[in-house]
PDB file of all heavy atoms in Angstrom:
ATOM      1  N   PHE A   1      -5.621  -2.400   4.472  1.00  0.00           N
ATOM      2  CA  PHE A   1      -5.285  -2.822   5.778  1.00  0.00           C
ATOM      3  C   PHE A   1      -5.658  -1.685   6.851  1.00  0.00           C
ATOM      4  O   PHE A   1      -5.789  -0.493   6.455  1.00  0.00           O
ATOM      5  CB  PHE A   1      -3.916  -3.174   5.893  1.00  0.00           C
ATOM      6  CG  PHE A   1      -2.917  -2.084   5.653  1.00  0.00           C
ATOM      7  CD1 PHE A   1      -2.383  -1.372   6.720  1.00  0.00           C
ATOM      8  CD2 PHE A   1      -2.598  -1.747   4.413  1.00  0.00           C
ATOM      9  CE1 PHE A   1      -1.511  -0.310   6.466  1.00  0.00           C
ATOM     10  CE2 PHE A   1      -1.638  -0.706   4.127  1.00  0.00           C
ATOM     11  CZ  PHE A   1      -1.106   0.011   5.211  1.00  0.00           C
ATOM     12  N   MET A   2      -5.879  -2.107   8.085  1.00  0.00           N
ATOM     13  CA  MET A   2      -6.126  -1.085   9.046  1.00  0.00           C
ATOM     14  C   MET A   2      -4.778  -0.612   9.671  1.00  0.00           C
ATOM     15  O   MET A   2      -3.931  -1.357  10.035  1.00  0.00           O
ATOM     16  CB  MET A   2      -6.939  -1.663  10.200  1.00  0.00           C
ATOM     17  CG  MET A   2      -8.377  -2.037   9.744  1.00  0.00           C
ATOM     18  SD  MET A   2      -9.321  -0.643   9.069  1.00  0.00           S
ATOM     19  CE  MET A   2      -9.518   0.381  10.413  1.00  0.00           C
ATOM     20  N   TYR A   3      -4.616   0.689   9.676  1.00  0.00           N
ATOM     21  CA  TYR A   3      -3.495   1.377  10.189  1.00  0.00           C
ATOM     22  C   TYR A   3      -3.825   1.798  11.626  1.00  0.00           C
ATOM     23  O   TYR A   3      -4.700   2.632  11.798  1.00  0.00           O
ATOM     24  CB  TYR A   3      -3.038   2.514   9.340  1.00  0.00           C
ATOM     25  CG  TYR A   3      -1.785   3.243   9.850  1.00  0.00           C
ATOM     26  CD1 TYR A   3      -0.494   2.759   9.743  1.00  0.00           C
ATOM     27  CD2 TYR A   3      -1.949   4.506  10.447  1.00  0.00           C
ATOM     28  CE1 TYR A   3       0.542   3.440  10.235  1.00  0.00           C
ATOM     29  CE2 TYR A   3      -0.869   5.139  10.951  1.00  0.00           C
ATOM     30  CZ  TYR A   3       0.343   4.685  10.823  1.00  0.00           C
ATOM     31  OH  TYR A   3       1.480   5.320  11.397  1.00  0.00           O
ATOM     32  N   GLU A   4      -2.961   1.479  12.602  1.00  0.00           N
ATOM     33  CA  GLU A   4      -3.344   1.807  13.946  1.00  0.00           C
ATOM     34  C   GLU A   4      -2.090   2.485  14.520  1.00  0.00           C
ATOM     35  O   GLU A   4      -0.940   2.142  14.335  1.00  0.00           O
ATOM     36  CB  GLU A   4      -3.565   0.533  14.818  1.00  0.00           C
ATOM     37  CG  GLU A   4      -4.848  -0.132  14.395  1.00  0.00           C
ATOM     38  CD  GLU A   4      -5.171  -1.349  15.211  1.00  0.00           C
ATOM     39  OE1 GLU A   4      -4.858  -1.270  16.481  1.00  0.00           O
ATOM     40  OE2 GLU A   4      -5.787  -2.304  14.740  1.00  0.00           O
ATOM     41  N   GLU A   5      -2.487   3.655  15.220  1.00  0.00           N
ATOM     42  CA  GLU A   5      -1.417   4.422  15.878  1.00  0.00           C
ATOM     43  C   GLU A   5      -1.938   4.673  17.323  1.00  0.00           C
ATOM     44  O   GLU A   5      -3.131   4.914  17.506  1.00  0.00           O
ATOM     45  CB  GLU A   5      -1.257   5.683  15.094  1.00  0.00           C
ATOM     46  CG  GLU A   5       0.066   6.448  15.490  1.00  0.00           C
ATOM     47  CD  GLU A   5       0.151   7.650  14.657  1.00  0.00           C
ATOM     48  OE1 GLU A   5       0.162   7.519  13.360  1.00  0.00           O
ATOM     49  OE2 GLU A   5       0.479   8.719  15.198  1.00  0.00           O
ATOM     50  N   GLU A   6      -1.011   4.609  18.323  1.00  0.00           N
ATOM     51  CA  GLU A   6      -1.565   4.777  19.619  1.00  0.00           C
ATOM     52  C   GLU A   6      -2.200   6.108  19.828  1.00  0.00           C
ATOM     53  O   GLU A   6      -1.693   7.176  19.375  1.00  0.00           O
ATOM     54  CB  GLU A   6      -0.354   4.670  20.586  1.00  0.00           C
ATOM     55  CG  GLU A   6      -0.713   4.499  22.062  1.00  0.00           C
ATOM     56  CD  GLU A   6       0.494   4.236  22.941  1.00  0.00           C
ATOM     57  OE1 GLU A   6       1.383   3.509  22.601  1.00  0.00           O
ATOM     58  OE2 GLU A   6       0.427   4.818  24.126  1.00  0.00           O
ATOM     59  N   GLY A   7      -3.406   6.119  20.502  1.00  0.00           N
ATOM     60  CA  GLY A   7      -4.076   7.258  20.769  1.00  0.00           C
ATOM     61  C   GLY A   7      -4.874   7.831  19.588  1.00  0.00           C
ATOM     62  O   GLY A   7      -5.524   8.890  19.706  1.00  0.00           O
ATOM     63  N   VAL A   8      -4.892   7.146  18.453  1.00  0.00           N
ATOM     64  CA  VAL A   8      -5.652   7.545  17.316  1.00  0.00           C
ATOM     65  C   VAL A   8      -6.511   6.452  16.852  1.00  0.00           C
ATOM     66  O   VAL A   8      -6.070   5.292  16.819  1.00  0.00           O
ATOM     67  CB  VAL A   8      -4.655   8.013  16.124  1.00  0.00           C
ATOM     68  CG1 VAL A   8      -5.449   8.381  14.897  1.00  0.00           C
ATOM     69  CG2 VAL A   8      -3.748   9.047  16.602  1.00  0.00           C
ATOM     70  N   GLU A   9      -7.753   6.813  16.386  1.00  0.00           N
ATOM     71  CA  GLU A   9      -8.700   5.720  15.964  1.00  0.00           C
ATOM     72  C   GLU A   9      -8.062   4.985  14.684  1.00  0.00           C
ATOM     73  O   GLU A   9      -7.583   5.774  13.812  1.00  0.00           O
ATOM     74  CB  GLU A   9     -10.009   6.319  15.634  1.00  0.00           C
ATOM     75  CG  GLU A   9     -11.092   5.302  15.414  1.00  0.00           C
ATOM     76  CD  GLU A   9     -12.505   5.906  15.518  1.00  0.00           C
ATOM     77  OE1 GLU A   9     -12.697   6.855  16.339  1.00  0.00           O
ATOM     78  OE2 GLU A   9     -13.331   5.414  14.776  1.00  0.00           O
ATOM     79  N   PRO A  10      -8.175   3.745  14.546  1.00  0.00           N
ATOM     80  CA  PRO A  10      -7.657   3.114  13.369  1.00  0.00           C
ATOM     81  C   PRO A  10      -8.316   3.555  12.081  1.00  0.00           C
ATOM     82  O   PRO A  10      -9.470   3.937  12.078  1.00  0.00           O
ATOM     83  CB  PRO A  10      -7.920   1.533  13.554  1.00  0.00           C
ATOM     84  CG  PRO A  10      -8.228   1.414  15.049  1.00  0.00           C
ATOM     85  CD  PRO A  10      -8.690   2.782  15.441  1.00  0.00           C
ATOM     86  N   VAL A  11      -7.495   3.615  11.017  1.00  0.00           N
ATOM     87  CA  VAL A  11      -8.010   4.061   9.714  1.00  0.00           C
ATOM     88  C   VAL A  11      -7.674   3.020   8.573  1.00  0.00           C
ATOM     89  O   VAL A  11      -6.546   2.377   8.648  1.00  0.00           O
ATOM     90  CB  VAL A  11      -7.457   5.494   9.416  1.00  0.00           C
ATOM     91  CG1 VAL A  11      -6.042   5.486   9.169  1.00  0.00           C
ATOM     92  CG2 VAL A  11      -8.211   6.086   8.234  1.00  0.00           C
ATOM     93  N   GLU A  12      -8.543   2.799   7.703  1.00  0.00           N
ATOM     94  CA  GLU A  12      -8.188   1.930   6.528  1.00  0.00           C
ATOM     95  C   GLU A  12      -7.283   2.587   5.565  1.00  0.00           C
ATOM     96  O   GLU A  12      -7.426   3.736   5.213  1.00  0.00           O
ATOM     97  CB  GLU A  12      -9.457   1.454   5.794  1.00  0.00           C
ATOM     98  CG  GLU A  12      -9.180   0.400   4.864  1.00  0.00           C
ATOM     99  CD  GLU A  12     -10.496  -0.154   4.217  1.00  0.00           C
ATOM    100  OE1 GLU A  12     -11.109   0.525   3.395  1.00  0.00           O
ATOM    101  OE2 GLU A  12     -10.796  -1.284   4.660  1.00  0.00           O
ATOM    102  N   ARG A  13      -6.243   1.828   5.224  1.00  0.00           N
ATOM    103  CA  ARG A  13      -5.147   2.351   4.322  1.00  0.00           C
ATOM    104  C   ARG A  13      -5.079   1.366   3.132  1.00  0.00           C
ATOM    105  O   ARG A  13      -5.300   0.174   3.228  1.00  0.00           O
ATOM    106  CB  ARG A  13      -3.786   2.459   4.919  1.00  0.00           C
ATOM    107  CG  ARG A  13      -3.732   3.468   6.002  1.00  0.00           C
ATOM    108  CD  ARG A  13      -3.018   4.739   5.599  1.00  0.00           C
ATOM    109  NE  ARG A  13      -2.937   5.823   6.511  1.00  0.00           N
ATOM    110  CZ  ARG A  13      -1.917   6.160   7.190  1.00  0.00           C
ATOM    111  NH1 ARG A  13      -0.727   5.551   6.993  1.00  0.00           N
ATOM    112  NH2 ARG A  13      -1.931   7.116   7.979  1.00  0.00           N
ATOM    113  N   MET A  14      -4.667   1.932   1.930  1.00  0.00           N
ATOM    114  CA  MET A  14      -4.525   1.114   0.757  1.00  0.00           C
ATOM    115  C   MET A  14      -3.111   0.393   0.775  1.00  0.00           C
ATOM    116  O   MET A  14      -2.099   0.956   1.193  1.00  0.00           O
ATOM    117  CB  MET A  14      -4.529   2.093  -0.361  1.00  0.00           C
ATOM    118  CG  MET A  14      -4.428   1.430  -1.750  1.00  0.00           C
ATOM    119  SD  MET A  14      -4.542   2.566  -3.116  1.00  0.00           S
ATOM    120  CE  MET A  14      -3.009   3.548  -2.791  1.00  0.00           C
ATOM    121  N   GLY A  15      -3.223  -0.828   0.343  1.00  0.00           N
ATOM    122  CA  GLY A  15      -2.035  -1.641   0.271  1.00  0.00           C
ATOM    123  C   GLY A  15      -1.676  -1.879  -1.205  1.00  0.00           C
ATOM    124  O   GLY A  15      -1.925  -1.112  -2.021  1.00  0.00           O
ATOM    125  N   LYS A  16      -1.019  -2.993  -1.482  1.00  0.00           N
ATOM    126  CA  LYS A  16      -0.509  -3.330  -2.798  1.00  0.00           C
ATOM    127  C   LYS A  16      -1.581  -3.945  -3.683  1.00  0.00           C
ATOM    128  O   LYS A  16      -2.616  -4.458  -3.151  1.00  0.00           O
ATOM    129  CB  LYS A  16       0.601  -4.401  -2.699  1.00  0.00           C
ATOM    130  CG  LYS A  16       1.833  -3.850  -1.958  1.00  0.00           C
ATOM    131  CD  LYS A  16       2.838  -4.892  -1.893  1.00  0.00           C
ATOM    132  CE  LYS A  16       4.092  -4.471  -1.166  1.00  0.00           C
ATOM    133  NZ  LYS A  16       5.189  -5.461  -1.126  1.00  0.00           N
ATOM    134  N   CYS A  17      -1.301  -3.878  -4.997  1.00  0.00           N
ATOM    135  CA  CYS A  17      -2.122  -4.555  -5.946  1.00  0.00           C
ATOM    136  C   CYS A  17      -1.619  -6.061  -6.085  1.00  0.00           C
ATOM    137  O   CYS A  17      -0.485  -6.253  -5.801  1.00  0.00           O
ATOM    138  CB  CYS A  17      -1.978  -3.860  -7.288  1.00  0.00           C
ATOM    139  SG  CYS A  17      -3.110  -2.595  -7.559  1.00  0.00           S
ATOM    140  N   GLU A  18      -2.561  -6.867  -6.412  1.00  0.00           N
ATOM    141  CA  GLU A  18      -2.171  -8.314  -6.532  1.00  0.00           C
ATOM    142  C   GLU A  18      -2.546  -8.743  -7.952  1.00  0.00           C
ATOM    143  O   GLU A  18      -3.463  -8.081  -8.649  1.00  0.00           O
ATOM    144  CB  GLU A  18      -2.898  -9.249  -5.640  1.00  0.00           C
ATOM    145  CG  GLU A  18      -2.500  -9.163  -4.206  1.00  0.00           C
ATOM    146  CD  GLU A  18      -3.232 -10.218  -3.243  1.00  0.00           C
ATOM    147  OE1 GLU A  18      -3.928 -10.971  -3.880  1.00  0.00           O
ATOM    148  OE2 GLU A  18      -3.122 -10.135  -2.167  1.00  0.00           O
ATOM    149  N   GLY A  19      -2.034  -9.872  -8.343  1.00  0.00           N
ATOM    150  CA  GLY A  19      -2.496 -10.516  -9.629  1.00  0.00           C
ATOM    151  C   GLY A  19      -3.799 -11.224  -9.405  1.00  0.00           C
ATOM    152  O   GLY A  19      -4.196 -11.569  -8.385  1.00  0.00           O
ATOM    153  N   PHE A  20      -4.481 -11.411 -10.600  1.00  0.00           N
ATOM    154  CA  PHE A  20      -5.773 -12.131 -10.470  1.00  0.00           C
ATOM    155  C   PHE A  20      -5.560 -13.622 -10.502  1.00  0.00           C
ATOM    156  O   PHE A  20      -4.646 -14.171 -11.093  1.00  0.00           O
ATOM    157  CB  PHE A  20      -6.688 -11.748 -11.724  1.00  0.00           C
ATOM    158  CG  PHE A  20      -7.052 -10.314 -11.897  1.00  0.00           C
ATOM    159  CD1 PHE A  20      -6.606  -9.460 -12.705  1.00  0.00           C
ATOM    160  CD2 PHE A  20      -7.986  -9.847 -10.883  1.00  0.00           C
ATOM    161  CE1 PHE A  20      -6.992  -8.145 -12.739  1.00  0.00           C
ATOM    162  CE2 PHE A  20      -8.377  -8.530 -10.955  1.00  0.00           C
ATOM    163  CZ  PHE A  20      -7.986  -7.604 -11.872  1.00  0.00           C
ATOM    164  N   ARG A  21      -6.463 -14.268  -9.782  1.00  0.00           N
ATOM    165  CA  ARG A  21      -6.464 -15.721  -9.718  1.00  0.00           C
ATOM    166  C   ARG A  21      -7.754 -16.229 -10.326  1.00  0.00           C
ATOM    167  O   ARG A  21      -8.637 -15.528 -10.714  1.00  0.00           O
ATOM    168  CB  ARG A  21      -6.381 -16.167  -8.246  1.00  0.00           C
ATOM    169  CG  ARG A  21      -5.025 -15.893  -7.567  1.00  0.00           C
ATOM    170  CD  ARG A  21      -5.000 -16.261  -6.145  1.00  0.00           C
ATOM    171  NE  ARG A  21      -3.627 -16.011  -5.561  1.00  0.00           N
ATOM    172  CZ  ARG A  21      -3.106 -14.921  -5.241  1.00  0.00           C
ATOM    173  NH1 ARG A  21      -3.799 -13.752  -5.438  1.00  0.00           N
ATOM    174  NH2 ARG A  21      -1.893 -14.798  -4.709  1.00  0.00           N
ATOM    175  N   LEU A  22      -7.860 -17.526 -10.595  1.00  0.00           N
ATOM    176  CA  LEU A  22      -9.063 -18.103 -11.194  1.00  0.00           C
ATOM    177  C   LEU A  22     -10.370 -17.658 -10.535  1.00  0.00           C
ATOM    178  O   LEU A  22     -11.328 -17.330 -11.237  1.00  0.00           O
ATOM    179  CB  LEU A  22      -8.914 -19.631 -11.240  1.00  0.00           C
ATOM    180  CG  LEU A  22     -10.037 -20.367 -11.996  1.00  0.00           C
ATOM    181  CD1 LEU A  22     -10.178 -19.923 -13.413  1.00  0.00           C
ATOM    182  CD2 LEU A  22      -9.925 -21.873 -11.875  1.00  0.00           C
ATOM    183  N   ASN A  23     -10.423 -17.736  -9.224  1.00  0.00           N
ATOM    184  CA  ASN A  23     -11.628 -17.215  -8.577  1.00  0.00           C
ATOM    185  C   ASN A  23     -11.993 -15.755  -8.805  1.00  0.00           C
ATOM    186  O   ASN A  23     -13.107 -15.408  -8.827  1.00  0.00           O
ATOM    187  CB  ASN A  23     -11.568 -17.493  -7.031  1.00  0.00           C
ATOM    188  CG  ASN A  23     -11.817 -18.961  -6.642  1.00  0.00           C
ATOM    189  OD1 ASN A  23     -12.422 -19.709  -7.414  1.00  0.00           O
ATOM    190  ND2 ASN A  23     -11.329 -19.376  -5.546  1.00  0.00           N
ATOM    191  N   ASP A  24     -10.925 -14.996  -9.031  1.00  0.00           N
ATOM    192  CA  ASP A  24     -11.230 -13.595  -9.347  1.00  0.00           C
ATOM    193  C   ASP A  24     -11.853 -13.460 -10.667  1.00  0.00           C
ATOM    194  O   ASP A  24     -12.762 -12.633 -10.896  1.00  0.00           O
ATOM    195  CB  ASP A  24      -9.830 -12.833  -9.359  1.00  0.00           C
ATOM    196  CG  ASP A  24      -9.249 -12.850  -7.948  1.00  0.00           C
ATOM    197  OD1 ASP A  24      -9.864 -12.860  -6.880  1.00  0.00           O
ATOM    198  OD2 ASP A  24      -7.914 -12.833  -7.957  1.00  0.00           O
ATOM    199  N   LEU A  25     -11.271 -14.261 -11.731  1.00  0.00           N
ATOM    200  CA  LEU A  25     -11.916 -14.211 -12.906  1.00  0.00           C
ATOM    201  C   LEU A  25     -13.349 -14.735 -12.978  1.00  0.00           C
ATOM    202  O   LEU A  25     -14.229 -14.208 -13.682  1.00  0.00           O
ATOM    203  CB  LEU A  25     -11.078 -15.036 -13.896  1.00  0.00           C
ATOM    204  CG  LEU A  25      -9.640 -14.562 -14.230  1.00  0.00           C
ATOM    205  CD1 LEU A  25      -8.910 -15.519 -15.097  1.00  0.00           C
ATOM    206  CD2 LEU A  25      -9.622 -13.188 -14.659  1.00  0.00           C
ATOM    207  N   LYS A  26     -13.712 -15.680 -12.150  1.00  0.00           N
ATOM    208  CA  LYS A  26     -15.140 -16.135 -11.997  1.00  0.00           C
ATOM    209  C   LYS A  26     -15.944 -14.979 -11.450  1.00  0.00           C
ATOM    210  O   LYS A  26     -17.115 -14.998 -11.787  1.00  0.00           O
ATOM    211  CB  LYS A  26     -15.099 -17.336 -11.051  1.00  0.00           C
ATOM    212  CG  LYS A  26     -14.556 -18.587 -11.639  1.00  0.00           C
ATOM    213  CD  LYS A  26     -14.611 -19.727 -10.626  1.00  0.00           C
ATOM    214  CE  LYS A  26     -13.953 -20.970 -11.223  1.00  0.00           C
ATOM    215  NZ  LYS A  26     -13.889 -22.122 -10.184  1.00  0.00           N
ATOM    216  N   ALA A  27     -15.444 -14.049 -10.656  1.00  0.00           N
ATOM    217  CA  ALA A  27     -16.219 -12.948 -10.119  1.00  0.00           C
ATOM    218  C   ALA A  27     -16.349 -11.865 -11.207  1.00  0.00           C
ATOM    219  O   ALA A  27     -17.363 -11.130 -11.326  1.00  0.00           O
ATOM    220  CB  ALA A  27     -15.559 -12.385  -8.879  1.00  0.00           C
ATOM    221  N   ILE A  28     -15.351 -11.725 -11.991  1.00  0.00           N
ATOM    222  CA  ILE A  28     -15.299 -10.615 -13.039  1.00  0.00           C
ATOM    223  C   ILE A  28     -16.138 -10.983 -14.239  1.00  0.00           C
ATOM    224  O   ILE A  28     -16.888 -10.050 -14.762  1.00  0.00           O
ATOM    225  CB  ILE A  28     -13.834 -10.387 -13.473  1.00  0.00           C
ATOM    226  CG1 ILE A  28     -13.047  -9.797 -12.431  1.00  0.00           C
ATOM    227  CG2 ILE A  28     -13.727  -9.582 -14.694  1.00  0.00           C
ATOM    228  CD1 ILE A  28     -11.540  -9.757 -12.574  1.00  0.00           C
ATOM    229  N   TYR A  29     -16.058 -12.283 -14.682  1.00  0.00           N
ATOM    230  CA  TYR A  29     -16.728 -12.668 -15.950  1.00  0.00           C
ATOM    231  C   TYR A  29     -18.225 -12.267 -16.026  1.00  0.00           C
ATOM    232  O   TYR A  29     -18.686 -11.686 -17.030  1.00  0.00           O
ATOM    233  CB  TYR A  29     -16.477 -14.144 -16.161  1.00  0.00           C
ATOM    234  CG  TYR A  29     -17.072 -14.644 -17.498  1.00  0.00           C
ATOM    235  CD1 TYR A  29     -16.458 -14.306 -18.657  1.00  0.00           C
ATOM    236  CD2 TYR A  29     -18.323 -15.344 -17.561  1.00  0.00           C
ATOM    237  CE1 TYR A  29     -16.998 -14.633 -19.894  1.00  0.00           C
ATOM    238  CE2 TYR A  29     -18.913 -15.743 -18.740  1.00  0.00           C
ATOM    239  CZ  TYR A  29     -18.195 -15.355 -19.985  1.00  0.00           C
ATOM    240  OH  TYR A  29     -18.713 -15.753 -21.124  1.00  0.00           O
ATOM    241  N   PRO A  30     -19.058 -12.560 -15.053  1.00  0.00           N
ATOM    242  CA  PRO A  30     -20.511 -12.184 -15.131  1.00  0.00           C
ATOM    243  C   PRO A  30     -20.734 -10.739 -15.224  1.00  0.00           C
ATOM    244  O   PRO A  30     -21.804 -10.191 -15.701  1.00  0.00           O
ATOM    245  CB  PRO A  30     -21.100 -12.728 -13.825  1.00  0.00           C
ATOM    246  CG  PRO A  30     -20.099 -13.701 -13.234  1.00  0.00           C
ATOM    247  CD  PRO A  30     -18.764 -13.304 -13.739  1.00  0.00           C
ATOM    248  N   LYS A  31     -19.781  -9.892 -14.788  1.00  0.00           N
ATOM    249  CA  LYS A  31     -19.959  -8.393 -14.767  1.00  0.00           C
ATOM    250  C   LYS A  31     -19.134  -7.748 -15.892  1.00  0.00           C
ATOM    251  O   LYS A  31     -18.966  -6.556 -15.979  1.00  0.00           O
ATOM    252  CB  LYS A  31     -19.546  -7.878 -13.419  1.00  0.00           C
ATOM    253  CG  LYS A  31     -20.419  -8.403 -12.431  1.00  0.00           C
ATOM    254  CD  LYS A  31     -19.979  -7.956 -11.057  1.00  0.00           C
ATOM    255  CE  LYS A  31     -20.985  -8.523  -9.972  1.00  0.00           C
ATOM    256  NZ  LYS A  31     -20.633  -8.078  -8.573  1.00  0.00           N
ATOM    257  N   LEU A  32     -18.562  -8.545 -16.841  1.00  0.00           N
ATOM    258  CA  LEU A  32     -17.705  -8.072 -17.874  1.00  0.00           C
ATOM    259  C   LEU A  32     -18.325  -6.957 -18.751  1.00  0.00           C
ATOM    260  O   LEU A  32     -17.681  -5.969 -19.106  1.00  0.00           O
ATOM    261  CB  LEU A  32     -17.179  -9.217 -18.773  1.00  0.00           C
ATOM    262  CG  LEU A  32     -15.865  -9.043 -19.461  1.00  0.00           C
ATOM    263  CD1 LEU A  32     -14.796  -8.444 -18.538  1.00  0.00           C
ATOM    264  CD2 LEU A  32     -15.375 -10.257 -20.209  1.00  0.00           C
ATOM    265  N   LYS A  33     -19.554  -7.187 -19.172  1.00  0.00           N
ATOM    266  CA  LYS A  33     -20.321  -6.112 -19.945  1.00  0.00           C
ATOM    267  C   LYS A  33     -20.380  -4.802 -19.232  1.00  0.00           C
ATOM    268  O   LYS A  33     -20.128  -3.810 -19.785  1.00  0.00           O
ATOM    269  CB  LYS A  33     -21.686  -6.589 -20.317  1.00  0.00           C
ATOM    270  CG  LYS A  33     -22.322  -5.707 -21.332  1.00  0.00           C
ATOM    271  CD  LYS A  33     -23.606  -6.316 -21.859  1.00  0.00           C
ATOM    272  CE  LYS A  33     -24.232  -5.447 -22.865  1.00  0.00           C
ATOM    273  NZ  LYS A  33     -25.524  -5.968 -23.476  1.00  0.00           N
ATOM    274  N   GLU A  34     -20.786  -4.900 -17.912  1.00  0.00           N
ATOM    275  CA  GLU A  34     -20.907  -3.693 -17.103  1.00  0.00           C
ATOM    276  C   GLU A  34     -19.508  -3.006 -16.884  1.00  0.00           C
ATOM    277  O   GLU A  34     -19.411  -1.762 -16.948  1.00  0.00           O
ATOM    278  CB  GLU A  34     -21.546  -4.013 -15.804  1.00  0.00           C
ATOM    279  CG  GLU A  34     -21.962  -2.821 -14.973  1.00  0.00           C
ATOM    280  CD  GLU A  34     -22.514  -3.284 -13.639  1.00  0.00           C
ATOM    281  OE1 GLU A  34     -22.866  -4.411 -13.274  1.00  0.00           O
ATOM    282  OE2 GLU A  34     -22.720  -2.348 -12.726  1.00  0.00           O
ATOM    283  N   ILE A  35     -18.582  -3.797 -16.562  1.00  0.00           N
ATOM    284  CA  ILE A  35     -17.128  -3.255 -16.452  1.00  0.00           C
ATOM    285  C   ILE A  35     -16.743  -2.502 -17.674  1.00  0.00           C
ATOM    286  O   ILE A  35     -16.218  -1.401 -17.680  1.00  0.00           O
ATOM    287  CB  ILE A  35     -16.215  -4.450 -16.137  1.00  0.00           C
ATOM    288  CG1 ILE A  35     -16.464  -4.936 -14.703  1.00  0.00           C
ATOM    289  CG2 ILE A  35     -14.715  -3.922 -16.139  1.00  0.00           C
ATOM    290  CD1 ILE A  35     -15.853  -6.321 -14.414  1.00  0.00           C
ATOM    291  N   SER A  36     -16.903  -3.133 -18.841  1.00  0.00           N
ATOM    292  CA  SER A  36     -16.472  -2.504 -20.092  1.00  0.00           C
ATOM    293  C   SER A  36     -17.187  -1.324 -20.440  1.00  0.00           C
ATOM    294  O   SER A  36     -16.643  -0.305 -21.018  1.00  0.00           O
ATOM    295  CB  SER A  36     -16.430  -3.571 -21.275  1.00  0.00           C
ATOM    296  OG  SER A  36     -17.728  -4.080 -21.490  1.00  0.00           O
ATOM    297  N   GLU A  37     -18.517  -1.225 -20.053  1.00  0.00           N
ATOM    298  CA  GLU A  37     -19.326   0.076 -20.266  1.00  0.00           C
ATOM    299  C   GLU A  37     -18.736   1.144 -19.459  1.00  0.00           C
ATOM    300  O   GLU A  37     -18.631   2.282 -19.966  1.00  0.00           O
ATOM    301  CB  GLU A  37     -20.747  -0.215 -19.951  1.00  0.00           C
ATOM    302  CG  GLU A  37     -21.584  -0.805 -21.092  1.00  0.00           C
ATOM    303  CD  GLU A  37     -21.476   0.002 -22.345  1.00  0.00           C
ATOM    304  OE1 GLU A  37     -21.704   1.238 -22.364  1.00  0.00           O
ATOM    305  OE2 GLU A  37     -21.160  -0.531 -23.421  1.00  0.00           O
ATOM    306  N   ILE A  38     -18.436   0.894 -18.176  1.00  0.00           N
ATOM    307  CA  ILE A  38     -17.883   1.856 -17.407  1.00  0.00           C
ATOM    308  C   ILE A  38     -16.551   2.382 -17.828  1.00  0.00           C
ATOM    309  O   ILE A  38     -16.270   3.542 -17.856  1.00  0.00           O
ATOM    310  CB  ILE A  38     -17.664   1.439 -15.901  1.00  0.00           C
ATOM    311  CG1 ILE A  38     -19.140   1.247 -15.245  1.00  0.00           C
ATOM    312  CG2 ILE A  38     -16.870   2.316 -15.035  1.00  0.00           C
ATOM    313  CD1 ILE A  38     -19.178   0.502 -13.895  1.00  0.00           C
ATOM    314  N   MET A  39     -15.744   1.446 -18.329  1.00  0.00           N
ATOM    315  CA  MET A  39     -14.381   1.762 -18.847  1.00  0.00           C
ATOM    316  C   MET A  39     -14.480   2.584 -20.176  1.00  0.00           C
ATOM    317  O   MET A  39     -13.718   3.553 -20.433  1.00  0.00           O
ATOM    318  CB  MET A  39     -13.541   0.539 -19.038  1.00  0.00           C
ATOM    319  CG  MET A  39     -13.213  -0.101 -17.562  1.00  0.00           C
ATOM    320  SD  MET A  39     -12.149  -1.564 -17.716  1.00  0.00           S
ATOM    321  CE  MET A  39     -10.550  -0.803 -17.757  1.00  0.00           C
ATOM    322  N   LYS A  40     -15.479   2.224 -20.943  1.00  0.00           N
ATOM    323  CA  LYS A  40     -15.588   2.967 -22.282  1.00  0.00           C
ATOM    324  C   LYS A  40     -16.337   4.338 -22.113  1.00  0.00           C
ATOM    325  O   LYS A  40     -16.026   5.277 -22.744  1.00  0.00           O
ATOM    326  CB  LYS A  40     -16.441   2.188 -23.210  1.00  0.00           C
ATOM    327  CG  LYS A  40     -15.682   1.008 -23.857  1.00  0.00           C
ATOM    328  CD  LYS A  40     -16.575   0.427 -25.049  1.00  0.00           C
ATOM    329  CE  LYS A  40     -17.614  -0.460 -24.513  1.00  0.00           C
ATOM    330  NZ  LYS A  40     -18.351  -1.224 -25.547  1.00  0.00           N
ATOM    331  N   ASN A  41     -17.273   4.427 -21.120  1.00  0.00           N
ATOM    332  CA  ASN A  41     -18.040   5.691 -20.919  1.00  0.00           C
ATOM    333  C   ASN A  41     -18.088   5.956 -19.396  1.00  0.00           C
ATOM    334  O   ASN A  41     -19.171   5.807 -18.754  1.00  0.00           O
ATOM    335  CB  ASN A  41     -19.524   5.361 -21.358  1.00  0.00           C
ATOM    336  CG  ASN A  41     -19.550   5.046 -22.763  1.00  0.00           C
ATOM    337  OD1 ASN A  41     -19.040   5.719 -23.646  1.00  0.00           O
ATOM    338  ND2 ASN A  41     -20.080   3.861 -23.091  1.00  0.00           N
ATOM    339  N   PRO A  42     -16.933   6.394 -18.876  1.00  0.00           N
ATOM    340  CA  PRO A  42     -16.868   6.615 -17.418  1.00  0.00           C
ATOM    341  C   PRO A  42     -17.701   7.933 -17.071  1.00  0.00           C
ATOM    342  O   PRO A  42     -17.923   8.761 -17.921  1.00  0.00           O
ATOM    343  CB  PRO A  42     -15.428   6.925 -17.149  1.00  0.00           C
ATOM    344  CG  PRO A  42     -14.922   7.378 -18.480  1.00  0.00           C
ATOM    345  CD  PRO A  42     -15.714   6.667 -19.487  1.00  0.00           C
TER     346      PRO A  42
END
């Protein structure tokens, strides 16, 4: 999310983690081999 403070340029900040939904799995599945390679050999 964008954190804004008066007089300071907005900056992107990290928020919470969420659970995966079906559409997320559809994005992950085609890249599963590449993901596992990175996780095995970072």
